[in-house]
């Protein structure tokens, strides 16, 4: 049986530890959107990515939205604002 992604992410307190409510909501919404089509192994990777985004934001004061943008850029899902011709 497939694990519920919402339960997986919402029960993981470390996933949003140290983030503001707004940042936590942004991260969880993004992860849940991606999780809709993800396989169980992809869910584990998404969870790790979420933990790393949280760590970078918390430790270095980087905005969650910008870190998500970097991940999407690396995946080829977004164009960098200054790189458009």
C-alpha atoms as a PDB file:
ATOM      1  CA  UNK A   1       0.000   0.000   0.000  1.00  0.00           C
ATOM      2  CA  UNK A   2       1.280   3.453  -0.891  1.00  0.00           C
ATOM      3  CA  UNK A   3       2.127   5.716   2.040  1.00  0.00           C
ATOM      4  CA  UNK A   4       0.173   8.969   2.224  1.00  0.00           C
ATOM      5  CA  UNK A   5       2.621  11.769   1.279  1.00  0.00           C
ATOM      6  CA  UNK A   6       0.727  14.349   3.330  1.00  0.00           C
ATOM      7  CA  UNK A   7       1.002  12.232   6.461  1.00  0.00           C
ATOM      8  CA  UNK A   8       4.661  11.481   5.747  1.00  0.00           C
ATOM      9  CA  UNK A   9       5.589  15.159   5.442  1.00  0.00           C
ATOM     10  CA  UNK A  10       3.266  16.568   8.108  1.00  0.00           C
ATOM     11  CA  UNK A  11       4.362  14.074  10.770  1.00  0.00           C
ATOM     12  CA  UNK A  12       8.052  14.844  10.186  1.00  0.00           C
ATOM     13  CA  UNK A  13       8.653  17.741  12.600  1.00  0.00           C
ATOM     14  CA  UNK A  14      12.305  18.057  11.570  1.00  0.00           C
ATOM     15  CA  UNK A  15      11.161  18.881   8.044  1.00  0.00           C
ATOM     16  CA  UNK A  16      10.113  22.383   9.116  1.00  0.00           C
ATOM     17  CA  UNK A  17      12.069  22.866  12.341  1.00  0.00           C
ATOM     18  CA  UNK A  18      13.383  26.413  12.602  1.00  0.00           C
ATOM     19  CA  UNK A  19      11.303  27.777   9.725  1.00  0.00           C
ATOM     20  CA  UNK A  20       8.677  30.479  10.047  1.00  0.00           C
ATOM     21  CA  UNK A  21       5.069  29.393   9.573  1.00  0.00           C
ATOM     22  CA  UNK A  22       5.067  30.979   6.113  1.00  0.00           C
ATOM     23  CA  UNK A  23       8.290  29.224   5.074  1.00  0.00           C
ATOM     24  CA  UNK A  24       7.036  25.897   6.418  1.00  0.00           C
ATOM     25  CA  UNK A  25       3.780  26.296   4.484  1.00  0.00           C
ATOM     26  CA  UNK A  26       5.683  27.144   1.292  1.00  0.00           C
ATOM     27  CA  UNK A  27       7.968  24.122   1.640  1.00  0.00           C
ATOM     28  CA  UNK A  28       5.190  21.685   2.514  1.00  0.00           C
ATOM     29  CA  UNK A  29       2.953  22.911  -0.316  1.00  0.00           C
ATOM     30  CA  UNK A  30       5.786  22.499  -2.807  1.00  0.00           C
ATOM     31  CA  UNK A  31       6.663  19.015  -1.533  1.00  0.00           C
ATOM     32  CA  UNK A  32       3.024  17.892  -1.554  1.00  0.00           C
ATOM     33  CA  UNK A  33       2.543  19.135  -5.119  1.00  0.00           C
ATOM     34  CA  UNK A  34       5.560  17.106  -6.237  1.00  0.00           C
ATOM     35  CA  UNK A  35       4.530  14.077  -4.186  1.00  0.00           C
ATOM     36  CA  UNK A  36       1.224  13.629  -6.029  1.00  0.00           C
ATOM     37  CA  UNK A  37       2.945  11.789  -8.884  1.00  0.00           C
ATOM     38  CA  UNK A  38       5.940  10.422  -6.960  1.00  0.00           C
ATOM     39  CA  UNK A  39       6.809   6.795  -6.365  1.00  0.00           C
ATOM     40  CA  UNK A  40       7.717   5.627  -2.843  1.00  0.00           C
ATOM     41  CA  UNK A  41      11.435   5.920  -3.585  1.00  0.00           C
ATOM     42  CA  UNK A  42      10.910   9.406  -4.984  1.00  0.00           C
ATOM     43  CA  UNK A  43       9.030  10.355  -1.809  1.00  0.00           C
ATOM     44  CA  UNK A  44      12.115   9.463   0.215  1.00  0.00           C
ATOM     45  CA  UNK A  45      14.227  11.713  -2.026  1.00  0.00           C
ATOM     46  CA  UNK A  46      11.719  14.559  -1.755  1.00  0.00           C
ATOM     47  CA  UNK A  47      11.813  14.243   2.012  1.00  0.00           C
ATOM     48  CA  UNK A  48      15.629  14.460   1.983  1.00  0.00           C
ATOM     49  CA  UNK A  49      15.499  17.491  -0.295  1.00  0.00           C
ATOM     50  CA  UNK A  50      13.013  19.096   2.091  1.00  0.00           C
ATOM     51  CA  UNK A  51      15.349  18.462   5.025  1.00  0.00           C
ATOM     52  CA  UNK A  52      18.261  20.020   3.142  1.00  0.00           C
ATOM     53  CA  UNK A  53      16.217  23.078   2.157  1.00  0.00           C
ATOM     54  CA  UNK A  54      15.243  23.505   5.816  1.00  0.00           C
ATOM     55  CA  UNK A  55      18.843  23.109   6.989  1.00  0.00           C
ATOM     56  CA  UNK A  56      20.192  25.626   4.475  1.00  0.00           C
ATOM     57  CA  UNK A  57      17.458  28.125   5.287  1.00  0.00           C
ATOM     58  CA  UNK A  58      17.905  27.763   9.027  1.00  0.00           C
ATOM     59  CA  UNK A  59      21.721  27.661   9.121  1.00  0.00           C
ATOM     60  CA  UNK A  60      22.450  30.330   6.517  1.00  0.00           C
ATOM     61  CA  UNK A  61      19.309  32.472   6.567  1.00  0.00           C
ATOM     62  CA  UNK A  62      18.451  31.702   2.953  1.00  0.00           C
ATOM     63  CA  UNK A  63      14.803  32.161   1.924  1.00  0.00           C
ATOM     64  CA  UNK A  64      12.962  28.879   1.368  1.00  0.00           C
ATOM     65  CA  UNK A  65      11.397  30.187  -1.865  1.00  0.00           C
ATOM     66  CA  UNK A  66      14.832  30.922  -3.344  1.00  0.00           C
ATOM     67  CA  UNK A  67      16.136  27.478  -2.384  1.00  0.00           C
ATOM     68  CA  UNK A  68      13.090  25.875  -4.009  1.00  0.00           C
ATOM     69  CA  UNK A  69      13.792  27.982  -7.096  1.00  0.00           C
ATOM     70  CA  UNK A  70      17.356  26.669  -7.206  1.00  0.00           C
ATOM     71  CA  UNK A  71      16.151  23.074  -7.006  1.00  0.00           C
ATOM     72  CA  UNK A  72      13.644  23.698  -9.793  1.00  0.00           C
ATOM     73  CA  UNK A  73      16.337  25.372 -11.883  1.00  0.00           C
ATOM     74  CA  UNK A  74      18.601  22.358 -11.405  1.00  0.00           C
ATOM     75  CA  UNK A  75      15.737  20.098 -12.479  1.00  0.00           C
ATOM     76  CA  UNK A  76      15.128  22.274 -15.527  1.00  0.00           C
ATOM     77  CA  UNK A  77      11.621  23.283 -14.397  1.00  0.00           C
ATOM     78  CA  UNK A  78      12.254  27.017 -14.190  1.00  0.00           C
ATOM     79  CA  UNK A  79      14.295  29.667 -15.941  1.00  0.00           C
ATOM     80  CA  UNK A  80      16.616  31.777 -13.823  1.00  0.00           C
ATOM     81  CA  UNK A  81      15.337  35.366 -13.828  1.00  0.00           C
ATOM     82  CA  UNK A  82      18.571  36.937 -15.082  1.00  0.00           C
ATOM     83  CA  UNK A  83      19.390  34.244 -17.622  1.00  0.00           C
ATOM     84  CA  UNK A  84      16.552  34.744 -20.079  1.00  0.00           C
ATOM     85  CA  UNK A  85      17.588  35.953 -23.542  1.00  0.00           C
END
